[in-house]
Structure formats: C-alpha cells, structure tokens
Protein backbone atom coordinates (compact mmCIF):
# COMPACT_ATOMS: atom_id res chain seq x y z
CA MET A 1 0.00 0.00 0.00
CA PRO A 2 1.40 3.42 -0.87
CA ALA A 3 2.39 5.60 2.06
CA GLU A 4 -0.01 8.39 1.06
CA ARG A 5 -3.02 6.05 1.10
CA ALA A 6 -1.94 4.55 4.42
CA ALA A 7 -1.67 8.07 5.85
CA LYS A 8 -5.21 8.90 4.69
CA ILE A 9 -6.57 5.75 6.33
CA ALA A 10 -4.61 6.40 9.54
CA ILE A 11 -5.94 9.96 9.79
CA ALA A 12 -9.49 8.71 9.23
CA VAL A 13 -9.02 6.17 12.05
CA GLU A 14 -7.76 8.90 14.36
CA PHE A 15 -10.76 11.10 13.67
CA ALA A 16 -13.11 8.14 14.15
CA ALA A 17 -11.50 7.50 17.56
CA LEU A 18 -11.90 11.17 18.47
CA ILE A 19 -15.58 11.18 17.49
CA ARG A 20 -16.20 8.01 19.49
CA ILE A 21 -14.50 9.42 22.59
CA LEU A 22 -16.44 12.68 22.38
CA ALA A 23 -19.70 10.80 21.91
CA GLU A 24 -18.93 8.79 25.04
CA CYS A 25 -18.31 12.05 26.93
CA LEU A 26 -21.71 13.35 25.88
CA ARG A 27 -23.38 10.07 26.80
CA LEU A 28 -21.86 10.03 30.30
CA TYR A 29 -22.02 13.78 30.95
CA ARG A 30 -24.55 13.65 33.78
CA GLN A 31 -24.00 10.07 34.91
CA ALA A 32 -20.30 9.64 35.65
CA ASP A 33 -16.93 11.35 35.82
CA ILE A 34 -15.92 12.23 32.27
CA HIS A 35 -12.40 13.44 33.08
CA PRO A 36 -10.67 10.25 31.84
CA TYR A 37 -12.57 10.51 28.56
CA LEU A 38 -11.55 14.12 28.10
CA VAL A 39 -7.90 13.21 28.52
CA GLY A 40 -8.35 10.54 25.84
CA ALA A 41 -10.02 13.11 23.58
CA VAL A 42 -7.08 15.48 24.00
CA ILE A 43 -4.65 12.67 23.11
CA ALA A 44 -6.69 11.81 20.01
CA ALA A 45 -7.13 15.44 18.93
CA LEU A 46 -3.45 16.32 19.28
CA SER A 47 -2.30 13.23 17.44
CA ALA A 48 -4.83 13.86 14.66
CA ALA A 49 -3.59 17.44 14.32
CA ILE A 50 0.03 16.27 14.17
CA SER A 51 -0.84 13.59 11.60
CA VAL A 52 -2.68 16.07 9.40
CA ALA A 53 0.22 18.51 9.60
CA LEU A 54 2.68 15.77 8.66
CA TYR A 55 0.43 14.68 5.81
CA PHE A 56 0.38 18.19 4.34
CA LEU A 57 4.14 18.40 4.73
CA THR A 58 4.27 15.18 2.62
CA LYS A 59 5.70 13.20 5.54
CA HIS A 60 3.26 10.35 4.98
CA ARG A 61 5.18 7.74 6.94
CA GLY A 62 5.42 10.14 9.87
CA ALA A 63 1.65 10.63 9.76
CA VAL A 64 1.12 6.86 9.85
CA ALA A 65 3.62 6.45 12.67
CA THR A 66 1.90 9.18 14.67
CA ALA A 67 -1.48 7.52 14.18
CA VAL A 68 -0.18 4.10 15.21
CA GLY A 69 1.49 5.64 18.25
CA ALA A 70 -1.73 7.45 19.18
CA VAL A 71 -3.79 4.28 18.98
CA GLY A 72 -1.21 2.54 21.16
CA ALA A 73 -1.25 5.43 23.61
CA LEU A 74 -5.06 5.40 23.77
CA ILE A 75 -5.13 1.65 24.40
CA GLY A 76 -2.43 1.98 27.07
CA TYR A 77 -4.28 4.88 28.69
CA LYS A 78 -7.53 2.91 28.69
CA ILE A 79 -5.86 -0.08 30.37
CA ALA A 80 -4.11 2.19 32.90
CA VAL A 81 -7.28 4.06 33.87
CA PHE A 82 -10.06 1.49 33.48
CA GLY A 83 -8.20 -1.80 33.61
CA TRP A 84 -8.94 -4.73 31.32
CA ARG A 85 -12.73 -4.49 31.48
CA LEU A 86 -14.57 -3.40 28.38
C-alpha cells in the first residue's frame, strides 16, 4: 500500500476515535466522571492534528507512525485508567 493512502486511512481512524470518545463524553455527561474521557479526547485530537500537519508536509510515513502511536497510547491509557474491562 502506498504511504499516502496509508496516511489517509490512519488519519481517518484517528478522527473516528476522536468522534467516538467525544460521543462517550456526551453520553456520560450527567451520569459519571468524564475526566478520563476528556484526557483521551485530548490525546486523540493532538495526534490527529500532528498527523494532518505531517500529511500536508508530505511526511506520509510520519503521519502513519503518529497515528499508530496514538492508537497505542489510547489503548495503554484505557488499560491504565479502566483496567482490562470493556
């Protein structure tokens, strides 16, 4: 797969993760503490912004690496905060 196409897919995945996290914040707004979700949203938003910037600078592999690192960071953060439960 060409690096440019992989970068487009990676950026789409990052934005999908951001939308999902923000939707979860809105769902839990009145029911539970949403602070952990907001931290996850900040991680996703910053990594998406960095990936988009790298994409426009034609650093496609860097954009993919940033997206993969962000997904790993979000999974690690989820396990650290919530444990292994789904």
